[in-house]
Amino acid sequence: MWVVKIGGSLSRDPLLQTWLHELNELGGGRVVIVPGGGGFADQVREHQAIWRFDDLAAHNMAVLAMAQHALMMQGLCRRLVVAATESQIRHALHEGRAAVWAPFGLLRQEADTLTSWDVTSDSLAAWLANRLNAERLLIVKSCEIDSACDVEQFTANGVLDKRFAELTRDASYPLDILNKRDWPRVRERLLHAAAS
């Protein structure tokens, strides 16, 4: 199983549909898409700046932003299955479909290690990959990606959030940080994985 995090920065990009349709076609039964919060999460940040509510409220609102983005993704590609739980994800994959995660289970009543802006949807994708014992984690970004950088450098450059390195440090899966135009590489890997 692959976990593919599609950055919220693609929420208004025509390439989003390419990624969704291709992951659906080639990743059915194998791919779980993790949506970024996109413009929905930007609204959370803007409102927090105005009203100064705490990071626990902001975290819950950002989780709902990811869920909204998941629903939008399914609206763009109706074959995707919106799945909120691990069992729903596994059921969708068992049915040969690609799943898109709506992380309602991460809503919190009390603050914990996930409820700060140090943890974005990138880290939540790593958290899910760890929970699902994923074979591979792909993080798709709109910004340019220097393949010579490691996770710590991506964190220092603001490409990844502050907790991502900690969540992936002992991971058993390969990690790919990709640009949105890298679809051909992903397609080749999915085809190769299907053939082996």
N, C-alpha and C. Protein backbone atom coordinates (compact mmCIF):
# COMPACT_ATOMS: atom_id res chain seq x y z
N MET A 1 0.83 -1.19 0.00
CA MET A 1 0.00 0.00 0.00
C MET A 1 0.87 1.25 0.00
N TRP A 2 0.52 2.19 -0.87
CA TRP A 2 1.23 3.47 -0.93
C TRP A 2 0.36 4.56 -0.33
N VAL A 3 0.98 5.44 0.44
CA VAL A 3 0.31 6.65 0.91
C VAL A 3 0.86 7.80 0.08
N VAL A 4 -0.05 8.52 -0.58
CA VAL A 4 0.35 9.64 -1.45
C VAL A 4 -0.30 10.90 -0.92
N LYS A 5 0.52 11.79 -0.38
CA LYS A 5 0.02 13.06 0.15
C LYS A 5 0.07 14.09 -0.98
N ILE A 6 -1.08 14.64 -1.32
CA ILE A 6 -1.15 15.66 -2.36
C ILE A 6 -1.32 17.01 -1.68
N GLY A 7 -0.32 17.84 -1.84
CA GLY A 7 -0.29 19.12 -1.16
C GLY A 7 -1.51 19.98 -1.44
N GLY A 8 -1.93 20.69 -0.41
CA GLY A 8 -3.06 21.61 -0.57
C GLY A 8 -2.80 22.68 -1.59
N SER A 9 -1.52 22.94 -1.89
CA SER A 9 -1.19 23.95 -2.89
C SER A 9 -1.66 23.55 -4.29
N LEU A 10 -2.02 22.27 -4.47
CA LEU A 10 -2.55 21.84 -5.77
C LEU A 10 -4.06 22.01 -5.86
N SER A 11 -4.69 22.53 -4.82
CA SER A 11 -6.16 22.55 -4.79
C SER A 11 -6.77 23.41 -5.88
N ARG A 12 -6.00 24.33 -6.44
CA ARG A 12 -6.50 25.15 -7.55
C ARG A 12 -5.69 24.93 -8.83
N ASP A 13 -4.92 23.86 -8.85
CA ASP A 13 -4.02 23.59 -9.97
C ASP A 13 -4.64 22.54 -10.89
N PRO A 14 -4.65 22.77 -12.23
CA PRO A 14 -5.20 21.78 -13.15
C PRO A 14 -4.53 20.41 -13.03
N LEU A 15 -3.29 20.36 -12.55
CA LEU A 15 -2.61 19.07 -12.41
C LEU A 15 -3.24 18.19 -11.33
N LEU A 16 -4.05 18.78 -10.45
CA LEU A 16 -4.71 17.98 -9.43
C LEU A 16 -5.55 16.88 -10.07
N GLN A 17 -6.30 17.23 -11.11
CA GLN A 17 -7.15 16.22 -11.76
C GLN A 17 -6.31 15.12 -12.39
N THR A 18 -5.17 15.47 -12.96
CA THR A 18 -4.29 14.45 -13.52
C THR A 18 -3.86 13.47 -12.44
N TRP A 19 -3.38 13.99 -11.32
CA TRP A 19 -2.94 13.13 -10.22
C TRP A 19 -4.08 12.23 -9.74
N LEU A 20 -5.25 12.81 -9.53
CA LEU A 20 -6.37 12.02 -9.00
C LEU A 20 -6.80 10.93 -9.97
N HIS A 21 -6.97 11.28 -11.23
CA HIS A 21 -7.44 10.29 -12.20
C HIS A 21 -6.41 9.20 -12.43
N GLU A 22 -5.15 9.57 -12.49
CA GLU A 22 -4.10 8.57 -12.71
C GLU A 22 -3.92 7.67 -11.48
N LEU A 23 -3.95 8.27 -10.28
CA LEU A 23 -3.86 7.44 -9.08
C LEU A 23 -5.05 6.50 -8.97
N ASN A 24 -6.21 6.98 -9.36
CA ASN A 24 -7.39 6.13 -9.37
C ASN A 24 -7.22 4.98 -10.36
N GLU A 25 -6.75 5.28 -11.57
CA GLU A 25 -6.61 4.26 -12.61
C GLU A 25 -5.51 3.25 -12.28
N LEU A 26 -4.36 3.75 -11.86
CA LEU A 26 -3.21 2.87 -11.66
C LEU A 26 -3.04 2.41 -10.21
N GLY A 27 -3.69 3.11 -9.29
CA GLY A 27 -3.47 2.81 -7.87
C GLY A 27 -4.64 2.14 -7.18
N GLY A 28 -5.65 1.74 -7.94
CA GLY A 28 -6.79 1.06 -7.34
C GLY A 28 -6.32 -0.18 -6.58
N GLY A 29 -6.73 -0.29 -5.34
CA GLY A 29 -6.33 -1.41 -4.51
C GLY A 29 -5.00 -1.22 -3.81
N ARG A 30 -4.30 -0.11 -4.10
CA ARG A 30 -2.95 0.07 -3.55
C ARG A 30 -2.67 1.45 -2.99
N VAL A 31 -3.48 2.45 -3.33
CA VAL A 31 -3.13 3.84 -3.01
C VAL A 31 -4.14 4.47 -2.06
N VAL A 32 -3.60 5.12 -1.03
CA VAL A 32 -4.38 5.97 -0.13
C VAL A 32 -3.89 7.39 -0.33
N ILE A 33 -4.78 8.28 -0.72
CA ILE A 33 -4.44 9.69 -0.92
C ILE A 33 -4.70 10.45 0.37
N VAL A 34 -3.73 11.24 0.78
CA VAL A 34 -3.91 12.14 1.92
C VAL A 34 -3.98 13.56 1.38
N PRO A 35 -5.11 14.24 1.57
CA PRO A 35 -5.23 15.61 1.05
C PRO A 35 -4.62 16.62 2.00
N GLY A 36 -3.97 17.62 1.44
CA GLY A 36 -3.59 18.77 2.24
C GLY A 36 -4.84 19.59 2.54
N GLY A 37 -4.70 20.60 3.34
CA GLY A 37 -5.85 21.43 3.69
C GLY A 37 -6.19 22.48 2.65
N GLY A 38 -5.21 22.84 1.81
CA GLY A 38 -5.44 23.82 0.75
C GLY A 38 -5.96 25.14 1.28
N GLY A 39 -6.79 25.77 0.47
CA GLY A 39 -7.38 27.06 0.83
C GLY A 39 -8.24 26.98 2.07
N PHE A 40 -8.79 25.79 2.34
CA PHE A 40 -9.61 25.61 3.54
C PHE A 40 -8.75 25.82 4.80
N ALA A 41 -7.53 25.27 4.78
CA ALA A 41 -6.63 25.45 5.93
C ALA A 41 -6.10 26.88 6.00
N ASP A 42 -5.93 27.51 4.85
CA ASP A 42 -5.50 28.92 4.85
C ASP A 42 -6.52 29.77 5.61
N GLN A 43 -7.80 29.44 5.45
CA GLN A 43 -8.85 30.17 6.17
C GLN A 43 -8.71 29.99 7.68
N VAL A 44 -8.31 28.79 8.09
CA VAL A 44 -8.09 28.54 9.52
C VAL A 44 -7.00 29.46 10.05
N ARG A 45 -5.88 29.52 9.34
CA ARG A 45 -4.77 30.38 9.76
C ARG A 45 -5.20 31.84 9.82
N GLU A 46 -5.94 32.29 8.82
CA GLU A 46 -6.40 33.68 8.80
C GLU A 46 -7.32 33.98 9.99
N HIS A 47 -8.24 33.07 10.26
CA HIS A 47 -9.16 33.31 11.37
C HIS A 47 -8.46 33.23 12.73
N GLN A 48 -7.47 32.34 12.84
CA GLN A 48 -6.71 32.28 14.09
C GLN A 48 -5.94 33.57 14.31
N ALA A 49 -5.40 34.14 13.24
CA ALA A 49 -4.67 35.41 13.37
C ALA A 49 -5.59 36.54 13.84
N ILE A 50 -6.84 36.50 13.42
CA ILE A 50 -7.80 37.53 13.82
C ILE A 50 -8.29 37.31 15.25
N TRP A 51 -8.70 36.08 15.56
CA TRP A 51 -9.40 35.80 16.80
C TRP A 51 -8.52 35.24 17.91
N ARG A 52 -7.31 34.81 17.56
CA ARG A 52 -6.34 34.33 18.55
C ARG A 52 -6.80 33.11 19.33
N PHE A 53 -7.64 32.26 18.72
CA PHE A 53 -8.01 31.03 19.41
C PHE A 53 -6.82 30.08 19.41
N ASP A 54 -6.87 29.08 20.30
CA ASP A 54 -5.70 28.23 20.54
C ASP A 54 -5.47 27.22 19.41
N ASP A 55 -4.31 26.58 19.49
CA ASP A 55 -3.92 25.64 18.44
C ASP A 55 -4.77 24.37 18.43
N LEU A 56 -5.39 24.03 19.57
CA LEU A 56 -6.28 22.87 19.59
C LEU A 56 -7.47 23.11 18.66
N ALA A 57 -8.08 24.28 18.78
CA ALA A 57 -9.19 24.62 17.88
C ALA A 57 -8.71 24.68 16.44
N ALA A 58 -7.53 25.27 16.23
CA ALA A 58 -6.99 25.38 14.88
C ALA A 58 -6.71 24.00 14.29
N HIS A 59 -6.18 23.10 15.11
CA HIS A 59 -5.92 21.73 14.65
C HIS A 59 -7.22 21.07 14.18
N ASN A 60 -8.26 21.16 15.00
CA ASN A 60 -9.54 20.54 14.63
C ASN A 60 -10.11 21.15 13.37
N MET A 61 -9.98 22.45 13.23
CA MET A 61 -10.47 23.11 12.02
C MET A 61 -9.63 22.68 10.81
N ALA A 62 -8.32 22.50 10.99
CA ALA A 62 -7.45 22.07 9.89
C ALA A 62 -7.75 20.62 9.49
N VAL A 63 -8.09 19.78 10.46
CA VAL A 63 -8.51 18.40 10.15
C VAL A 63 -9.76 18.44 9.27
N LEU A 64 -10.70 19.32 9.64
CA LEU A 64 -11.92 19.46 8.83
C LEU A 64 -11.60 20.04 7.45
N ALA A 65 -10.58 20.89 7.38
CA ALA A 65 -10.14 21.41 6.07
C ALA A 65 -9.63 20.28 5.19
N MET A 66 -8.86 19.37 5.77
CA MET A 66 -8.40 18.20 5.02
C MET A 66 -9.58 17.36 4.55
N ALA A 67 -10.58 17.20 5.42
CA ALA A 67 -11.77 16.42 5.05
C ALA A 67 -12.53 17.10 3.91
N GLN A 68 -12.63 18.42 3.96
CA GLN A 68 -13.28 19.14 2.86
C GLN A 68 -12.52 18.91 1.55
N HIS A 69 -11.22 18.95 1.63
CA HIS A 69 -10.41 18.74 0.43
C HIS A 69 -10.60 17.30 -0.07
N ALA A 70 -10.74 16.34 0.85
CA ALA A 70 -11.00 14.95 0.45
C ALA A 70 -12.32 14.85 -0.31
N LEU A 71 -13.34 15.53 0.20
CA LEU A 71 -14.64 15.51 -0.48
C LEU A 71 -14.56 16.18 -1.85
N MET A 72 -13.79 17.25 -1.94
CA MET A 72 -13.59 17.90 -3.23
C MET A 72 -12.90 16.96 -4.21
N MET A 73 -11.88 16.24 -3.71
CA MET A 73 -11.17 15.29 -4.57
C MET A 73 -12.12 14.21 -5.10
N GLN A 74 -12.98 13.71 -4.23
CA GLN A 74 -13.95 12.71 -4.69
C GLN A 74 -14.92 13.33 -5.69
N GLY A 75 -15.26 14.60 -5.50
CA GLY A 75 -16.12 15.29 -6.47
C GLY A 75 -15.46 15.40 -7.84
N LEU A 76 -14.14 15.51 -7.86
CA LEU A 76 -13.40 15.59 -9.12
C LEU A 76 -13.17 14.22 -9.74
N CYS A 77 -13.14 13.19 -8.91
CA CYS A 77 -12.89 11.82 -9.38
C CYS A 77 -13.80 10.89 -8.59
N ARG A 78 -14.99 10.64 -9.13
CA ARG A 78 -16.05 9.96 -8.39
C ARG A 78 -15.70 8.53 -7.96
N ARG A 79 -14.72 7.91 -8.61
CA ARG A 79 -14.36 6.53 -8.25
C ARG A 79 -13.57 6.46 -6.94
N LEU A 80 -13.00 7.58 -6.50
CA LEU A 80 -12.28 7.59 -5.23
C LEU A 80 -13.25 7.33 -4.08
N VAL A 81 -12.79 6.59 -3.09
CA VAL A 81 -13.60 6.31 -1.91
C VAL A 81 -13.10 7.16 -0.75
N VAL A 82 -13.97 8.00 -0.22
CA VAL A 82 -13.61 8.77 0.98
C VAL A 82 -13.67 7.82 2.17
N ALA A 83 -12.56 7.72 2.89
CA ALA A 83 -12.46 6.78 4.01
C ALA A 83 -11.92 7.51 5.23
N ALA A 84 -12.62 7.35 6.35
CA ALA A 84 -12.23 8.05 7.57
C ALA A 84 -11.45 7.17 8.54
N THR A 85 -11.62 5.86 8.44
CA THR A 85 -10.99 4.96 9.40
C THR A 85 -10.06 3.98 8.68
N GLU A 86 -9.21 3.36 9.47
CA GLU A 86 -8.30 2.36 8.91
C GLU A 86 -9.08 1.22 8.25
N SER A 87 -10.16 0.79 8.89
CA SER A 87 -10.94 -0.31 8.31
C SER A 87 -11.62 0.12 7.01
N GLN A 88 -12.09 1.36 6.94
CA GLN A 88 -12.69 1.86 5.70
C GLN A 88 -11.64 1.95 4.58
N ILE A 89 -10.43 2.36 4.94
CA ILE A 89 -9.35 2.42 3.95
C ILE A 89 -9.06 1.02 3.42
N ARG A 90 -8.89 0.07 4.33
CA ARG A 90 -8.57 -1.30 3.91
C ARG A 90 -9.70 -1.91 3.09
N HIS A 91 -10.94 -1.61 3.45
CA HIS A 91 -12.08 -2.13 2.69
C HIS A 91 -12.06 -1.58 1.25
N ALA A 92 -11.82 -0.27 1.12
CA ALA A 92 -11.77 0.34 -0.21
C ALA A 92 -10.67 -0.31 -1.06
N LEU A 93 -9.50 -0.51 -0.46
CA LEU A 93 -8.39 -1.12 -1.19
C LEU A 93 -8.73 -2.57 -1.55
N HIS A 94 -9.35 -3.28 -0.63
CA HIS A 94 -9.76 -4.66 -0.89
C HIS A 94 -10.73 -4.74 -2.07
N GLU A 95 -11.54 -3.70 -2.23
CA GLU A 95 -12.49 -3.64 -3.34
C GLU A 95 -11.83 -3.17 -4.64
N GLY A 96 -10.51 -2.95 -4.60
CA GLY A 96 -9.79 -2.53 -5.80
C GLY A 96 -9.88 -1.06 -6.11
N ARG A 97 -10.27 -0.27 -5.14
CA ARG A 97 -10.43 1.18 -5.33
C ARG A 97 -9.27 1.91 -4.67
N ALA A 98 -9.09 3.17 -5.06
CA ALA A 98 -8.16 4.06 -4.37
C ALA A 98 -8.97 4.82 -3.33
N ALA A 99 -8.37 5.03 -2.16
CA ALA A 99 -9.05 5.73 -1.06
C ALA A 99 -8.47 7.12 -0.90
N VAL A 100 -9.31 8.04 -0.44
CA VAL A 100 -8.84 9.36 -0.04
C VAL A 100 -9.27 9.54 1.41
N TRP A 101 -8.30 9.91 2.24
CA TRP A 101 -8.49 9.93 3.69
C TRP A 101 -9.15 11.22 4.16
N ALA A 102 -10.24 11.06 4.91
CA ALA A 102 -10.86 12.18 5.63
C ALA A 102 -10.58 11.92 7.11
N PRO A 103 -9.62 12.63 7.71
CA PRO A 103 -9.08 12.23 9.02
C PRO A 103 -9.91 12.65 10.23
N PHE A 104 -11.20 12.32 10.21
CA PHE A 104 -12.07 12.71 11.33
C PHE A 104 -11.60 12.15 12.66
N GLY A 105 -10.92 11.01 12.64
CA GLY A 105 -10.43 10.40 13.87
C GLY A 105 -9.35 11.22 14.57
N LEU A 106 -8.83 12.24 13.89
CA LEU A 106 -7.81 13.08 14.51
C LEU A 106 -8.39 14.33 15.17
N LEU A 107 -9.71 14.45 15.18
CA LEU A 107 -10.32 15.53 15.96
C LEU A 107 -10.06 15.27 17.44
N ARG A 108 -9.73 16.29 18.18
CA ARG A 108 -9.31 16.15 19.57
C ARG A 108 -10.13 17.04 20.51
N GLN A 109 -10.34 16.52 21.73
CA GLN A 109 -10.95 17.31 22.81
C GLN A 109 -9.88 17.99 23.65
N GLU A 110 -8.71 17.35 23.71
CA GLU A 110 -7.59 17.88 24.50
C GLU A 110 -6.36 17.96 23.61
N ALA A 111 -5.47 18.89 23.91
CA ALA A 111 -4.24 19.05 23.14
C ALA A 111 -3.35 17.82 23.31
N ASP A 112 -2.65 17.44 22.25
CA ASP A 112 -1.66 16.37 22.32
C ASP A 112 -0.53 16.70 21.35
N THR A 113 0.29 15.72 21.04
CA THR A 113 1.49 15.97 20.22
C THR A 113 1.15 16.32 18.77
N LEU A 114 -0.08 16.10 18.35
CA LEU A 114 -0.45 16.42 16.97
C LEU A 114 -1.11 17.79 16.82
N THR A 115 -1.47 18.44 17.93
CA THR A 115 -2.32 19.62 17.85
C THR A 115 -1.54 20.93 17.88
N SER A 116 -0.63 21.08 16.93
CA SER A 116 0.05 22.37 16.76
C SER A 116 0.39 22.53 15.28
N TRP A 117 0.76 23.74 14.91
CA TRP A 117 1.12 24.00 13.50
C TRP A 117 2.47 23.38 13.15
N ASP A 118 3.19 22.82 14.15
CA ASP A 118 4.40 22.05 13.83
C ASP A 118 4.05 20.77 13.10
N VAL A 119 2.78 20.39 13.17
CA VAL A 119 2.28 19.19 12.50
C VAL A 119 1.28 19.64 11.43
N THR A 120 1.66 19.45 10.16
CA THR A 120 0.75 19.76 9.06
C THR A 120 0.30 18.44 8.43
N SER A 121 -0.39 18.54 7.33
CA SER A 121 -0.86 17.32 6.65
C SER A 121 0.29 16.44 6.18
N ASP A 122 1.48 17.00 5.99
CA ASP A 122 2.65 16.17 5.65
C ASP A 122 2.93 15.18 6.78
N SER A 123 3.01 15.69 8.01
CA SER A 123 3.26 14.81 9.15
C SER A 123 2.09 13.86 9.39
N LEU A 124 0.87 14.33 9.13
CA LEU A 124 -0.28 13.44 9.30
C LEU A 124 -0.24 12.31 8.26
N ALA A 125 0.28 12.59 7.08
CA ALA A 125 0.46 11.53 6.07
C ALA A 125 1.47 10.51 6.56
N ALA A 126 2.56 10.98 7.18
CA ALA A 126 3.55 10.06 7.74
C ALA A 126 2.95 9.26 8.90
N TRP A 127 2.18 9.93 9.74
CA TRP A 127 1.49 9.25 10.84
C TRP A 127 0.61 8.12 10.30
N LEU A 128 -0.15 8.41 9.22
CA LEU A 128 -1.02 7.39 8.64
C LEU A 128 -0.20 6.27 8.00
N ALA A 129 0.87 6.63 7.30
CA ALA A 129 1.73 5.61 6.68
C ALA A 129 2.29 4.67 7.74
N ASN A 130 2.66 5.21 8.88
CA ASN A 130 3.16 4.38 9.98
C ASN A 130 2.06 3.46 10.51
N ARG A 131 0.86 4.01 10.69
CA ARG A 131 -0.27 3.21 11.20
C ARG A 131 -0.64 2.07 10.25
N LEU A 132 -0.57 2.35 8.94
CA LEU A 132 -1.00 1.36 7.95
C LEU A 132 0.12 0.43 7.51
N ASN A 133 1.33 0.67 8.06
CA ASN A 133 2.49 -0.12 7.64
C ASN A 133 2.66 -0.03 6.12
N ALA A 134 2.67 1.19 5.61
CA ALA A 134 2.72 1.45 4.17
C ALA A 134 4.02 0.94 3.54
N GLU A 135 3.94 0.64 2.27
CA GLU A 135 5.13 0.22 1.51
C GLU A 135 5.93 1.42 1.02
N ARG A 136 5.25 2.57 0.87
CA ARG A 136 5.92 3.75 0.33
C ARG A 136 5.12 4.98 0.73
N LEU A 137 5.82 6.10 0.96
CA LEU A 137 5.18 7.39 1.24
C LEU A 137 5.68 8.39 0.21
N LEU A 138 4.74 9.03 -0.48
CA LEU A 138 5.06 10.07 -1.45
C LEU A 138 4.43 11.37 -0.98
N ILE A 139 5.22 12.43 -0.98
CA ILE A 139 4.72 13.77 -0.64
C ILE A 139 4.84 14.62 -1.90
N VAL A 140 3.70 15.08 -2.42
CA VAL A 140 3.67 15.83 -3.68
C VAL A 140 3.47 17.30 -3.36
N LYS A 141 4.39 18.13 -3.86
CA LYS A 141 4.41 19.57 -3.58
C LYS A 141 4.33 20.38 -4.87
N SER A 142 3.92 21.63 -4.75
CA SER A 142 3.93 22.55 -5.89
C SER A 142 5.29 23.21 -6.07
N CYS A 143 6.03 23.36 -4.98
CA CYS A 143 7.32 24.06 -5.06
C CYS A 143 8.37 23.19 -5.75
N GLU A 144 9.44 23.82 -6.18
CA GLU A 144 10.55 23.07 -6.77
C GLU A 144 11.19 22.20 -5.70
N ILE A 145 11.58 21.01 -6.09
CA ILE A 145 12.17 20.05 -5.16
C ILE A 145 13.60 19.74 -5.60
N ASP A 146 14.54 20.00 -4.72
CA ASP A 146 15.94 19.68 -4.97
C ASP A 146 16.19 18.26 -4.49
N SER A 147 16.42 17.36 -5.42
CA SER A 147 16.57 15.94 -5.06
C SER A 147 17.81 15.67 -4.20
N ALA A 148 18.71 16.64 -4.13
CA ALA A 148 19.91 16.47 -3.29
C ALA A 148 19.62 16.73 -1.82
N CYS A 149 18.46 17.32 -1.51
CA CYS A 149 18.13 17.64 -0.11
C CYS A 149 17.65 16.40 0.63
N ASP A 150 17.92 16.37 1.94
CA ASP A 150 17.36 15.33 2.80
C ASP A 150 16.21 15.94 3.60
N VAL A 151 15.59 15.13 4.44
CA VAL A 151 14.41 15.57 5.18
C VAL A 151 14.72 16.78 6.06
N GLU A 152 15.87 16.76 6.71
CA GLU A 152 16.23 17.89 7.58
C GLU A 152 16.37 19.18 6.79
N GLN A 153 16.95 19.09 5.58
CA GLN A 153 17.09 20.29 4.75
C GLN A 153 15.73 20.77 4.25
N PHE A 154 14.86 19.83 3.87
CA PHE A 154 13.51 20.23 3.47
C PHE A 154 12.78 20.91 4.62
N THR A 155 13.00 20.43 5.83
CA THR A 155 12.37 21.05 7.00
C THR A 155 12.93 22.46 7.21
N ALA A 156 14.25 22.59 7.13
CA ALA A 156 14.88 23.91 7.31
C ALA A 156 14.41 24.90 6.26
N ASN A 157 14.13 24.40 5.05
CA ASN A 157 13.68 25.27 3.95
C ASN A 157 12.18 25.54 3.98
N GLY A 158 11.48 24.94 4.95
CA GLY A 158 10.04 25.15 5.05
C GLY A 158 9.21 24.31 4.10
N VAL A 159 9.83 23.34 3.42
CA VAL A 159 9.09 22.47 2.52
C VAL A 159 8.29 21.45 3.32
N LEU A 160 8.88 20.96 4.41
CA LEU A 160 8.22 20.02 5.31
C LEU A 160 8.08 20.65 6.69
N ASP A 161 7.11 20.17 7.46
CA ASP A 161 6.90 20.75 8.79
C ASP A 161 7.91 20.22 9.81
N LYS A 162 7.88 20.78 11.00
CA LYS A 162 8.92 20.52 12.01
C LYS A 162 8.87 19.12 12.60
N ARG A 163 7.74 18.44 12.54
CA ARG A 163 7.63 17.11 13.15
C ARG A 163 7.85 15.97 12.15
N PHE A 164 7.90 16.29 10.86
CA PHE A 164 7.95 15.26 9.83
C PHE A 164 9.15 14.33 10.00
N ALA A 165 10.32 14.90 10.25
CA ALA A 165 11.54 14.08 10.38
C ALA A 165 11.40 13.08 11.51
N GLU A 166 10.83 13.51 12.62
CA GLU A 166 10.64 12.63 13.78
C GLU A 166 9.71 11.46 13.43
N LEU A 167 8.65 11.74 12.67
CA LEU A 167 7.66 10.71 12.34
C LEU A 167 8.15 9.73 11.27
N THR A 168 9.16 10.12 10.52
CA THR A 168 9.66 9.24 9.45
C THR A 168 11.05 8.68 9.75
N ARG A 169 11.65 9.07 10.86
CA ARG A 169 13.03 8.69 11.16
C ARG A 169 13.24 7.18 11.13
N ASP A 170 12.36 6.41 11.72
CA ASP A 170 12.52 4.95 11.80
C ASP A 170 11.60 4.22 10.83
N ALA A 171 11.13 4.93 9.81
CA ALA A 171 10.18 4.32 8.88
C ALA A 171 10.83 3.21 8.07
N SER A 172 10.05 2.17 7.82
CA SER A 172 10.54 1.05 7.03
C SER A 172 10.28 1.25 5.53
N TYR A 173 9.52 2.27 5.19
CA TYR A 173 9.15 2.51 3.78
C TYR A 173 10.05 3.55 3.13
N PRO A 174 10.21 3.46 1.79
CA PRO A 174 10.90 4.53 1.06
C PRO A 174 10.05 5.80 1.09
N LEU A 175 10.72 6.94 1.11
CA LEU A 175 10.06 8.24 1.14
C LEU A 175 10.48 9.02 -0.10
N ASP A 176 9.49 9.57 -0.81
CA ASP A 176 9.75 10.40 -1.99
C ASP A 176 9.11 11.76 -1.78
N ILE A 177 9.91 12.82 -1.91
CA ILE A 177 9.40 14.18 -1.92
C ILE A 177 9.42 14.61 -3.38
N LEU A 178 8.25 14.92 -3.93
CA LEU A 178 8.13 15.12 -5.37
C LEU A 178 7.51 16.47 -5.71
N ASN A 179 7.80 16.93 -6.90
CA ASN A 179 7.13 18.10 -7.46
C ASN A 179 5.89 17.63 -8.21
N LYS A 180 4.91 18.50 -8.31
CA LYS A 180 3.64 18.15 -8.97
C LYS A 180 3.83 17.72 -10.42
N ARG A 181 4.93 18.08 -11.05
CA ARG A 181 5.17 17.69 -12.46
C ARG A 181 5.86 16.33 -12.56
N ASP A 182 6.10 15.67 -11.43
CA ASP A 182 6.80 14.37 -11.42
C ASP A 182 5.86 13.18 -11.63
N TRP A 183 4.64 13.43 -12.11
CA TRP A 183 3.72 12.32 -12.29
C TRP A 183 4.31 11.18 -13.13
N PRO A 184 5.01 11.47 -14.26
CA PRO A 184 5.54 10.36 -15.06
C PRO A 184 6.41 9.39 -14.25
N ARG A 185 7.21 9.88 -13.32
CA ARG A 185 8.03 9.01 -12.47
C ARG A 185 7.16 8.12 -11.59
N VAL A 186 6.10 8.71 -11.03
CA VAL A 186 5.21 7.94 -10.17
C VAL A 186 4.46 6.90 -10.99
N ARG A 187 4.02 7.28 -12.16
CA ARG A 187 3.32 6.36 -13.05
C ARG A 187 4.20 5.14 -13.35
N GLU A 188 5.46 5.42 -13.67
CA GLU A 188 6.39 4.33 -13.98
C GLU A 188 6.56 3.40 -12.78
N ARG A 189 6.67 3.95 -11.57
CA ARG A 189 6.82 3.14 -10.37
C ARG A 189 5.57 2.31 -10.09
N LEU A 190 4.40 2.91 -10.30
CA LEU A 190 3.16 2.16 -10.08
C LEU A 190 3.02 1.02 -11.08
N LEU A 191 3.37 1.28 -12.33
CA LEU A 191 3.30 0.24 -13.36
C LEU A 191 4.29 -0.87 -13.04
N HIS A 192 5.48 -0.49 -12.61
CA HIS A 192 6.51 -1.47 -12.28
C HIS A 192 6.07 -2.32 -11.08
N ALA A 193 5.48 -1.65 -10.07
CA ALA A 193 5.01 -2.37 -8.88
C ALA A 193 3.89 -3.34 -9.24
N ALA A 194 3.02 -2.94 -10.18
CA ALA A 194 1.91 -3.81 -10.58
C ALA A 194 2.41 -5.03 -11.33
N ALA A 195 3.50 -4.85 -12.08
CA ALA A 195 4.04 -5.95 -12.88
C ALA A 195 4.84 -6.96 -12.06
N SER A 196 5.36 -6.50 -10.90
CA SER A 196 6.22 -7.40 -10.10
C SER A 196 5.44 -8.19 -9.08
